[in-house]
Amino acid sequence: MAPPKAKKQKLASDPSIIFTLGGAKPDVRLRVFTQEFHANSGILKIHSEYFRKFLEPSGGVQPASASPLFHSDWYTQVEKDGTWVLASYPKVGQFIFSN
């Protein structure tokens, strides 16, 4: 039997896009330019080498979140050459949006 597909929820009062799979609750907040996403860190690590590496850094220090609902926050960081990445710590010149 195939595993259930991930569900995407959007609440009228919440501008975030929330990804859920089974009973896995979102514990990571990603702010990609002006859109906020909530996802489960385990699912991100399964499907992304980037998150496997950076959600479990070799030093054992996990990125922190400003919210008690999330283990870590990720923000869009725009580089000087116009490319962008998701970074766990705010830096000058990146996009940080609050509701």
PDB file of N, CA and C in Angstrom:
ATOM      1  N   MET A   1       0.841  -1.180   0.000  1.00  0.00           N
ATOM      2  CA  MET A   1       0.000   0.000   0.000  1.00  0.00           C
ATOM      3  C   MET A   1       0.884   1.241   0.000  1.00  0.00           C
ATOM      4  N   ALA A   2       0.554   2.191  -0.837  1.00  0.00           N
ATOM      5  CA  ALA A   2       1.336   3.425  -0.947  1.00  0.00           C
ATOM      6  C   ALA A   2       1.069   4.319   0.263  1.00  0.00           C
ATOM      7  N   PRO A   3       2.099   5.057   0.729  1.00  0.00           N
ATOM      8  CA  PRO A   3       1.886   5.970   1.859  1.00  0.00           C
ATOM      9  C   PRO A   3       0.959   7.107   1.448  1.00  0.00           C
ATOM     10  N   PRO A   4       0.257   7.695   2.416  1.00  0.00           N
ATOM     11  CA  PRO A   4      -0.646   8.802   2.076  1.00  0.00           C
ATOM     12  C   PRO A   4       0.140  10.004   1.558  1.00  0.00           C
ATOM     13  N   LYS A   5      -0.470  10.723   0.643  1.00  0.00           N
ATOM     14  CA  LYS A   5       0.173  11.924   0.102  1.00  0.00           C
ATOM     15  C   LYS A   5       0.108  13.053   1.118  1.00  0.00           C
ATOM     16  N   ALA A   6       1.111  13.912   1.077  1.00  0.00           N
ATOM     17  CA  ALA A   6       1.148  15.068   1.975  1.00  0.00           C
ATOM     18  C   ALA A   6      -0.018  15.990   1.656  1.00  0.00           C
ATOM     19  N   LYS A   7      -0.577  16.571   2.676  1.00  0.00           N
ATOM     20  CA  LYS A   7      -1.690  17.494   2.500  1.00  0.00           C
ATOM     21  C   LYS A   7      -1.198  18.914   2.678  1.00  0.00           C
ATOM     22  N   LYS A   8      -1.772  19.819   1.922  1.00  0.00           N
ATOM     23  CA  LYS A   8      -1.446  21.229   2.040  1.00  0.00           C
ATOM     24  C   LYS A   8      -2.689  21.931   2.567  1.00  0.00           C
ATOM     25  N   GLN A   9      -2.549  22.634   3.673  1.00  0.00           N
ATOM     26  CA  GLN A   9      -3.666  23.354   4.268  1.00  0.00           C
ATOM     27  C   GLN A   9      -3.433  24.846   4.165  1.00  0.00           C
ATOM     28  N   LYS A  10      -4.486  25.588   3.975  1.00  0.00           N
ATOM     29  CA  LYS A  10      -4.387  27.042   4.019  1.00  0.00           C
ATOM     30  C   LYS A  10      -5.622  27.547   4.756  1.00  0.00           C
ATOM     31  N   LEU A  11      -5.391  28.235   5.848  1.00  0.00           N
ATOM     32  CA  LEU A  11      -6.476  28.775   6.639  1.00  0.00           C
ATOM     33  C   LEU A  11      -6.692  30.230   6.272  1.00  0.00           C
ATOM     34  N   ALA A  12      -7.952  30.651   6.247  1.00  0.00           N
ATOM     35  CA  ALA A  12      -8.271  32.023   5.858  1.00  0.00           C
ATOM     36  C   ALA A  12      -7.601  33.050   6.767  1.00  0.00           C
ATOM     37  N   SER A  13      -7.487  32.753   8.058  1.00  0.00           N
ATOM     38  CA  SER A  13      -6.906  33.709   8.996  1.00  0.00           C
ATOM     39  C   SER A  13      -5.381  33.616   9.067  1.00  0.00           C
ATOM     40  N   ASP A  14      -4.787  32.626   8.410  1.00  0.00           N
ATOM     41  CA  ASP A  14      -3.348  32.403   8.464  1.00  0.00           C
ATOM     42  C   ASP A  14      -2.787  32.414   7.043  1.00  0.00           C
ATOM     43  N   PRO A  15      -1.895  33.341   6.717  1.00  0.00           N
ATOM     44  CA  PRO A  15      -1.365  33.413   5.359  1.00  0.00           C
ATOM     45  C   PRO A  15      -0.315  32.338   5.053  1.00  0.00           C
ATOM     46  N   SER A  16      -0.033  31.457   6.009  1.00  0.00           N
ATOM     47  CA  SER A  16       0.989  30.431   5.837  1.00  0.00           C
ATOM     48  C   SER A  16       0.441  29.243   5.052  1.00  0.00           C
ATOM     49  N   ILE A  17       1.344  28.552   4.379  1.00  0.00           N
ATOM     50  CA  ILE A  17       1.017  27.279   3.749  1.00  0.00           C
ATOM     51  C   ILE A  17       1.579  26.209   4.667  1.00  0.00           C
ATOM     52  N   ILE A  18       0.719  25.285   5.084  1.00  0.00           N
ATOM     53  CA  ILE A  18       1.101  24.279   6.067  1.00  0.00           C
ATOM     54  C   ILE A  18       1.082  22.910   5.406  1.00  0.00           C
ATOM     55  N   PHE A  19       2.230  22.210   5.470  1.00  0.00           N
ATOM     56  CA  PHE A  19       2.342  20.869   4.919  1.00  0.00           C
ATOM     57  C   PHE A  19       2.276  19.870   6.064  1.00  0.00           C
ATOM     58  N   THR A  20       1.374  18.883   5.939  1.00  0.00           N
ATOM     59  CA  THR A  20       1.266  17.842   6.945  1.00  0.00           C
ATOM     60  C   THR A  20       1.325  16.485   6.260  1.00  0.00           C
ATOM     61  N   LEU A  21       1.762  15.485   6.992  1.00  0.00           N
ATOM     62  CA  LEU A  21       1.792  14.114   6.503  1.00  0.00           C
ATOM     63  C   LEU A  21       1.508  13.213   7.690  1.00  0.00           C
ATOM     64  N   GLY A  22       0.380  12.528   7.643  1.00  0.00           N
ATOM     65  CA  GLY A  22       0.013  11.675   8.770  1.00  0.00           C
ATOM     66  C   GLY A  22      -0.079  12.491  10.043  1.00  0.00           C
ATOM     67  N   GLY A  23       0.564  12.021  11.109  1.00  0.00           N
ATOM     68  CA  GLY A  23       0.533  12.733  12.382  1.00  0.00           C
ATOM     69  C   GLY A  23       1.713  13.649  12.606  1.00  0.00           C
ATOM     70  N   ALA A  24       2.559  13.839  11.565  1.00  0.00           N
ATOM     71  CA  ALA A  24       3.758  14.681  11.713  1.00  0.00           C
ATOM     72  C   ALA A  24       3.359  16.159  11.706  1.00  0.00           C
ATOM     73  N   LYS A  25       3.547  16.817  12.833  1.00  0.00           N
ATOM     74  CA  LYS A  25       3.192  18.233  12.935  1.00  0.00           C
ATOM     75  C   LYS A  25       4.342  19.101  12.426  1.00  0.00           C
ATOM     76  N   PRO A  26       4.020  20.244  11.835  1.00  0.00           N
ATOM     77  CA  PRO A  26       5.071  21.161  11.380  1.00  0.00           C
ATOM     78  C   PRO A  26       5.907  21.664  12.554  1.00  0.00           C
ATOM     79  N   ASP A  27       7.231  21.618  12.412  1.00  0.00           N
ATOM     80  CA  ASP A  27       8.120  22.127  13.456  1.00  0.00           C
ATOM     81  C   ASP A  27       9.206  23.038  12.890  1.00  0.00           C
ATOM     82  N   VAL A  28       9.096  23.351  11.593  1.00  0.00           N
ATOM     83  CA  VAL A  28      10.041  24.249  10.921  1.00  0.00           C
ATOM     84  C   VAL A  28       9.241  25.311  10.183  1.00  0.00           C
ATOM     85  N   ARG A  29       9.665  26.563  10.322  1.00  0.00           N
ATOM     86  CA  ARG A  29       9.019  27.666   9.600  1.00  0.00           C
ATOM     87  C   ARG A  29      10.001  28.173   8.554  1.00  0.00           C
ATOM     88  N   LEU A  30       9.528  28.222   7.296  1.00  0.00           N
ATOM     89  CA  LEU A  30      10.345  28.692   6.180  1.00  0.00           C
ATOM     90  C   LEU A  30       9.694  29.944   5.608  1.00  0.00           C
ATOM     91  N   ARG A  31      10.436  31.017   5.545  1.00  0.00           N
ATOM     92  CA  ARG A  31       9.926  32.251   4.920  1.00  0.00           C
ATOM     93  C   ARG A  31      10.674  32.436   3.614  1.00  0.00           C
ATOM     94  N   VAL A  32       9.979  32.149   2.515  1.00  0.00           N
ATOM     95  CA  VAL A  32      10.569  32.249   1.183  1.00  0.00           C
ATOM     96  C   VAL A  32      10.006  33.514   0.546  1.00  0.00           C
ATOM     97  N   PHE A  33      10.838  34.545   0.510  1.00  0.00           N
ATOM     98  CA  PHE A  33      10.426  35.884   0.085  1.00  0.00           C
ATOM     99  C   PHE A  33       9.208  36.301   0.899  1.00  0.00           C
ATOM    100  N   THR A  34       8.026  36.432   0.314  1.00  0.00           N
ATOM    101  CA  THR A  34       6.862  36.918   1.059  1.00  0.00           C
ATOM    102  C   THR A  34       5.932  35.795   1.518  1.00  0.00           C
ATOM    103  N   GLN A  35       6.260  34.544   1.212  1.00  0.00           N
ATOM    104  CA  GLN A  35       5.385  33.425   1.569  1.00  0.00           C
ATOM    105  C   GLN A  35       5.974  32.614   2.719  1.00  0.00           C
ATOM    106  N   GLU A  36       5.138  32.274   3.675  1.00  0.00           N
ATOM    107  CA  GLU A  36       5.577  31.469   4.808  1.00  0.00           C
ATOM    108  C   GLU A  36       5.051  30.045   4.660  1.00  0.00           C
ATOM    109  N   PHE A  37       5.940  29.077   4.922  1.00  0.00           N
ATOM    110  CA  PHE A  37       5.602  27.662   4.865  1.00  0.00           C
ATOM    111  C   PHE A  37       5.908  27.031   6.213  1.00  0.00           C
ATOM    112  N   HIS A  38       5.072  26.091   6.626  1.00  0.00           N
ATOM    113  CA  HIS A  38       5.313  25.308   7.837  1.00  0.00           C
ATOM    114  C   HIS A  38       5.448  23.860   7.394  1.00  0.00           C
ATOM    115  N   ALA A  39       6.500  23.185   7.847  1.00  0.00           N
ATOM    116  CA  ALA A  39       6.743  21.802   7.448  1.00  0.00           C
ATOM    117  C   ALA A  39       7.364  21.029   8.594  1.00  0.00           C
ATOM    118  N   ASN A  40       7.390  19.709   8.467  1.00  0.00           N
ATOM    119  CA  ASN A  40       7.989  18.849   9.470  1.00  0.00           C
ATOM    120  C   ASN A  40       9.451  18.617   9.123  1.00  0.00           C
ATOM    121  N   SER A  41      10.344  18.775  10.097  1.00  0.00           N
ATOM    122  CA  SER A  41      11.781  18.649   9.851  1.00  0.00           C
ATOM    123  C   SER A  41      12.163  17.249   9.370  1.00  0.00           C
ATOM    124  N   GLY A  42      11.512  16.219   9.893  1.00  0.00           N
ATOM    125  CA  GLY A  42      11.816  14.858   9.468  1.00  0.00           C
ATOM    126  C   GLY A  42      11.531  14.650   7.998  1.00  0.00           C
ATOM    127  N   ILE A  43      10.426  15.185   7.530  1.00  0.00           N
ATOM    128  CA  ILE A  43      10.071  15.052   6.116  1.00  0.00           C
ATOM    129  C   ILE A  43      11.039  15.855   5.255  1.00  0.00           C
ATOM    130  N   LEU A  44      11.415  17.048   5.705  1.00  0.00           N
ATOM    131  CA  LEU A  44      12.396  17.839   4.961  1.00  0.00           C
ATOM    132  C   LEU A  44      13.718  17.091   4.839  1.00  0.00           C
ATOM    133  N   LYS A  45      14.154  16.464   5.937  1.00  0.00           N
ATOM    134  CA  LYS A  45      15.435  15.745   5.925  1.00  0.00           C
ATOM    135  C   LYS A  45      15.383  14.513   5.022  1.00  0.00           C
ATOM    136  N   ILE A  46      14.251  13.851   4.960  1.00  0.00           N
ATOM    137  CA  ILE A  46      14.117  12.676   4.088  1.00  0.00           C
ATOM    138  C   ILE A  46      14.248  13.062   2.623  1.00  0.00           C
ATOM    139  N   HIS A  47      13.691  14.203   2.255  1.00  0.00           N
ATOM    140  CA  HIS A  47      13.610  14.588   0.848  1.00  0.00           C
ATOM    141  C   HIS A  47      14.634  15.621   0.401  1.00  0.00           C
ATOM    142  N   SER A  48      15.511  16.067   1.299  1.00  0.00           N
ATOM    143  CA  SER A  48      16.446  17.129   0.923  1.00  0.00           C
ATOM    144  C   SER A  48      17.800  16.960   1.603  1.00  0.00           C
ATOM    145  N   GLU A  49      18.834  16.819   0.804  1.00  0.00           N
ATOM    146  CA  GLU A  49      20.194  16.727   1.343  1.00  0.00           C
ATOM    147  C   GLU A  49      20.550  18.012   2.100  1.00  0.00           C
ATOM    148  N   TYR A  50      20.096  19.155   1.584  1.00  0.00           N
ATOM    149  CA  TYR A  50      20.352  20.447   2.229  1.00  0.00           C
ATOM    150  C   TYR A  50      19.856  20.415   3.675  1.00  0.00           C
ATOM    151  N   PHE A  51      18.600  20.007   3.891  1.00  0.00           N
ATOM    152  CA  PHE A  51      18.050  19.992   5.238  1.00  0.00           C
ATOM    153  C   PHE A  51      18.615  18.853   6.074  1.00  0.00           C
ATOM    154  N   ARG A  52      18.995  17.727   5.455  1.00  0.00           N
ATOM    155  CA  ARG A  52      19.681  16.671   6.211  1.00  0.00           C
ATOM    156  C   ARG A  52      20.960  17.224   6.812  1.00  0.00           C
ATOM    157  N   LYS A  53      21.658  18.038   6.038  1.00  0.00           N
ATOM    158  CA  LYS A  53      22.929  18.591   6.507  1.00  0.00           C
ATOM    159  C   LYS A  53      22.722  19.694   7.544  1.00  0.00           C
ATOM    160  N   PHE A  54      21.814  20.615   7.285  1.00  0.00           N
ATOM    161  CA  PHE A  54      21.715  21.802   8.123  1.00  0.00           C
ATOM    162  C   PHE A  54      20.717  21.718   9.275  1.00  0.00           C
ATOM    163  N   LEU A  55      19.795  20.761   9.249  1.00  0.00           N
ATOM    164  CA  LEU A  55      18.921  20.594  10.410  1.00  0.00           C
ATOM    165  C   LEU A  55      19.578  19.726  11.477  1.00  0.00           C
ATOM    166  N   GLU A  56      20.659  19.030  11.118  1.00  0.00           N
ATOM    167  CA  GLU A  56      21.438  18.257  12.079  1.00  0.00           C
ATOM    168  C   GLU A  56      22.916  18.554  11.856  1.00  0.00           C
ATOM    169  N   PRO A  57      23.355  19.774  12.170  1.00  0.00           N
ATOM    170  CA  PRO A  57      24.759  20.123  11.943  1.00  0.00           C
ATOM    171  C   PRO A  57      25.704  19.291  12.792  1.00  0.00           C
ATOM    172  N   SER A  58      26.920  19.146  12.307  1.00  0.00           N
ATOM    173  CA  SER A  58      27.908  18.305  12.992  1.00  0.00           C
ATOM    174  C   SER A  58      28.239  18.816  14.391  1.00  0.00           C
ATOM    175  N   GLY A  59      28.090  20.099  14.633  1.00  0.00           N
ATOM    176  CA  GLY A  59      28.370  20.657  15.954  1.00  0.00           C
ATOM    177  C   GLY A  59      27.283  20.364  16.966  1.00  0.00           C
ATOM    178  N   GLY A  60      26.151  19.816  16.522  1.00  0.00           N
ATOM    179  CA  GLY A  60      25.062  19.470  17.426  1.00  0.00           C
ATOM    180  C   GLY A  60      24.182  20.638  17.813  1.00  0.00           C
ATOM    181  N   VAL A  61      24.425  21.825  17.261  1.00  0.00           N
ATOM    182  CA  VAL A  61      23.617  23.005  17.576  1.00  0.00           C
ATOM    183  C   VAL A  61      22.553  23.163  16.505  1.00  0.00           C
ATOM    184  N   GLN A  62      21.299  23.098  16.913  1.00  0.00           N
ATOM    185  CA  GLN A  62      20.202  23.256  15.971  1.00  0.00           C
ATOM    186  C   GLN A  62      19.865  24.734  15.821  1.00  0.00           C
ATOM    187  N   PRO A  63      19.466  25.164  14.603  1.00  0.00           N
ATOM    188  CA  PRO A  63      19.010  26.541  14.440  1.00  0.00           C
ATOM    189  C   PRO A  63      17.809  26.788  15.351  1.00  0.00           C
ATOM    190  N   ALA A  64      17.734  27.953  15.942  1.00  0.00           N
ATOM    191  CA  ALA A  64      16.665  28.265  16.888  1.00  0.00           C
ATOM    192  C   ALA A  64      15.499  28.975  16.202  1.00  0.00           C
ATOM    193  N   SER A  65      14.369  29.006  16.879  1.00  0.00           N
ATOM    194  CA  SER A  65      13.192  29.694  16.376  1.00  0.00           C
ATOM    195  C   SER A  65      12.770  30.760  17.371  1.00  0.00           C
ATOM    196  N   ALA A  66      12.171  31.813  16.855  1.00  0.00           N
ATOM    197  CA  ALA A  66      11.635  32.870  17.710  1.00  0.00           C
ATOM    198  C   ALA A  66      10.277  32.470  18.274  1.00  0.00           C
ATOM    199  N   SER A  67       9.697  31.385  17.756  1.00  0.00           N
ATOM    200  CA  SER A  67       8.379  30.943  18.175  1.00  0.00           C
ATOM    201  C   SER A  67       8.467  29.623  18.939  1.00  0.00           C
ATOM    202  N   PRO A  68       7.677  29.456  19.998  1.00  0.00           N
ATOM    203  CA  PRO A  68       7.681  28.172  20.709  1.00  0.00           C
ATOM    204  C   PRO A  68       7.039  27.045  19.891  1.00  0.00           C
ATOM    205  N   LEU A  69       6.363  27.370  18.794  1.00  0.00           N
ATOM    206  CA  LEU A  69       5.716  26.366  17.953  1.00  0.00           C
ATOM    207  C   LEU A  69       6.684  25.661  17.004  1.00  0.00           C
ATOM    208  N   PHE A  70       7.876  26.245  16.811  1.00  0.00           N
ATOM    209  CA  PHE A  70       8.806  25.717  15.819  1.00  0.00           C
ATOM    210  C   PHE A  70      10.183  25.491  16.438  1.00  0.00           C
ATOM    211  N   HIS A  71      10.889  24.486  15.908  1.00  0.00           N
ATOM    212  CA  HIS A  71      12.265  24.242  16.334  1.00  0.00           C
ATOM    213  C   HIS A  71      13.241  25.177  15.642  1.00  0.00           C
ATOM    214  N   SER A  72      12.923  25.559  14.392  1.00  0.00           N
ATOM    215  CA  SER A  72      13.828  26.466  13.682  1.00  0.00           C
ATOM    216  C   SER A  72      13.074  27.310  12.668  1.00  0.00           C
ATOM    217  N   ASP A  73      13.646  28.465  12.374  1.00  0.00           N
ATOM    218  CA  ASP A  73      13.137  29.396  11.367  1.00  0.00           C
ATOM    219  C   ASP A  73      14.168  29.509  10.257  1.00  0.00           C
ATOM    220  N   TRP A  74      13.700  29.594   9.030  1.00  0.00           N
ATOM    221  CA  TRP A  74      14.570  29.753   7.863  1.00  0.00           C
ATOM    222  C   TRP A  74      14.064  30.936   7.050  1.00  0.00           C
ATOM    223  N   TYR A  75      15.007  31.726   6.532  1.00  0.00           N
ATOM    224  CA  TYR A  75      14.682  32.963   5.835  1.00  0.00           C
ATOM    225  C   TYR A  75      15.348  32.987   4.466  1.00  0.00           C
ATOM    226  N   THR A  76      14.763  33.752   3.551  1.00  0.00           N
ATOM    227  CA  THR A  76      15.385  33.956   2.251  1.00  0.00           C
ATOM    228  C   THR A  76      16.551  34.920   2.413  1.00  0.00           C
ATOM    229  N   GLN A  77      17.698  34.497   1.943  1.00  0.00           N
ATOM    230  CA  GLN A  77      18.885  35.354   1.953  1.00  0.00           C
ATOM    231  C   GLN A  77      19.307  35.549   0.506  1.00  0.00           C
ATOM    232  N   VAL A  78      19.280  36.799   0.051  1.00  0.00           N
ATOM    233  CA  VAL A  78      19.655  37.120  -1.317  1.00  0.00           C
ATOM    234  C   VAL A  78      21.131  37.504  -1.349  1.00  0.00           C
ATOM    235  N   GLU A  79      21.867  36.829  -2.208  1.00  0.00           N
ATOM    236  CA  GLU A  79      23.306  37.081  -2.335  1.00  0.00           C
ATOM    237  C   GLU A  79      23.551  38.275  -3.255  1.00  0.00           C
ATOM    238  N   LYS A  80      24.764  38.794  -3.264  1.00  0.00           N
ATOM    239  CA  LYS A  80      25.108  39.956  -4.092  1.00  0.00           C
ATOM    240  C   LYS A  80      24.906  39.694  -5.577  1.00  0.00           C
ATOM    241  N   ASP A  81      25.082  38.430  -6.013  1.00  0.00           N
ATOM    242  CA  ASP A  81      24.934  38.110  -7.435  1.00  0.00           C
ATOM    243  C   ASP A  81      23.480  37.853  -7.833  1.00  0.00           C
ATOM    244  N   GLY A  82      22.533  38.025  -6.898  1.00  0.00           N
ATOM    245  CA  GLY A  82      21.116  37.857  -7.192  1.00  0.00           C
ATOM    246  C   GLY A  82      20.574  36.467  -6.893  1.00  0.00           C
ATOM    247  N   THR A  83      21.435  35.497  -6.618  1.00  0.00           N
ATOM    248  CA  THR A  83      20.951  34.177  -6.242  1.00  0.00           C
ATOM    249  C   THR A  83      20.446  34.227  -4.807  1.00  0.00           C
ATOM    250  N   TRP A  84      19.686  33.219  -4.416  1.00  0.00           N
ATOM    251  CA  TRP A  84      19.174  33.210  -3.058  1.00  0.00           C
ATOM    252  C   TRP A  84      19.248  31.810  -2.470  1.00  0.00           C
ATOM    253  N   VAL A  85      19.269  31.768  -1.147  1.00  0.00           N
ATOM    254  CA  VAL A  85      19.291  30.525  -0.387  1.00  0.00           C
ATOM    255  C   VAL A  85      18.415  30.696   0.836  1.00  0.00           C
ATOM    256  N   LEU A  86      18.090  29.585   1.477  1.00  0.00           N
ATOM    257  CA  LEU A  86      17.424  29.645   2.766  1.00  0.00           C
ATOM    258  C   LEU A  86      18.494  29.576   3.839  1.00  0.00           C
ATOM    259  N   ALA A  87      18.457  30.495   4.774  1.00  0.00           N
ATOM    260  CA  ALA A  87      19.443  30.552   5.849  1.00  0.00           C
ATOM    261  C   ALA A  87      18.709  30.493   7.182  1.00  0.00           C
ATOM    262  N   SER A  88      19.340  29.892   8.161  1.00  0.00           N
ATOM    263  CA  SER A  88      18.684  29.748   9.459  1.00  0.00           C
ATOM    264  C   SER A  88      18.919  30.931  10.384  1.00  0.00           C
ATOM    265  N   TYR A  89      19.889  31.761  10.089  1.00  0.00           N
ATOM    266  CA  TYR A  89      20.151  32.923  10.927  1.00  0.00           C
ATOM    267  C   TYR A  89      20.027  34.186  10.096  1.00  0.00           C
ATOM    268  N   PRO A  90      19.280  35.174  10.588  1.00  0.00           N
ATOM    269  CA  PRO A  90      19.125  36.420   9.826  1.00  0.00           C
ATOM    270  C   PRO A  90      20.458  37.118   9.601  1.00  0.00           C
ATOM    271  N   LYS A  91      20.628  37.642   8.394  1.00  0.00           N
ATOM    272  CA  LYS A  91      21.810  38.428   8.051  1.00  0.00           C
ATOM    273  C   LYS A  91      21.338  39.713   7.377  1.00  0.00           C
ATOM    274  N   VAL A  92      22.176  40.678   7.329  1.00  0.00           N
ATOM    275  CA  VAL A  92      21.854  41.948   6.699  1.00  0.00           C
ATOM    276  C   VAL A  92      21.536  41.721   5.228  1.00  0.00           C
ATOM    277  N   GLY A  93      20.465  42.331   4.738  1.00  0.00           N
ATOM    278  CA  GLY A  93      20.118  42.260   3.330  1.00  0.00           C
ATOM    279  C   GLY A  93      19.190  41.133   2.951  1.00  0.00           C
ATOM    280  N   GLN A  94      18.792  40.310   3.902  1.00  0.00           N
ATOM    281  CA  GLN A  94      17.877  39.237   3.538  1.00  0.00           C
ATOM    282  C   GLN A  94      16.455  39.662   3.844  1.00  0.00           C
ATOM    283  N   PHE A  95      15.528  38.887   3.359  1.00  0.00           N
ATOM    284  CA  PHE A  95      14.121  39.197   3.528  1.00  0.00           C
ATOM    285  C   PHE A  95      13.613  38.592   4.829  1.00  0.00           C
ATOM    286  N   ILE A  96      13.087  39.430   5.689  1.00  0.00           N
ATOM    287  CA  ILE A  96      12.432  38.960   6.900  1.00  0.00           C
ATOM    288  C   ILE A  96      11.098  39.696   6.961  1.00  0.00           C
ATOM    289  N   PHE A  97      10.021  38.939   6.956  1.00  0.00           N
ATOM    290  CA  PHE A  97       8.697  39.524   6.958  1.00  0.00           C
ATOM    291  C   PHE A  97       7.954  39.079   8.202  1.00  0.00           C
ATOM    292  N   SER A  98       7.206  39.990   8.773  1.00  0.00           N
ATOM    293  CA  SER A  98       6.355  39.624   9.903  1.00  0.00           C
ATOM    294  C   SER A  98       4.914  39.946   9.526  1.00  0.00           C
ATOM    295  N   ASN A  99       4.013  39.208  10.130  1.00  0.00           N
ATOM    296  CA  ASN A  99       2.594  39.388   9.810  1.00  0.00           C
ATOM    297  C   ASN A  99       2.010  40.552  10.542  1.00  0.00           C
TER     298      ASN A  99
END
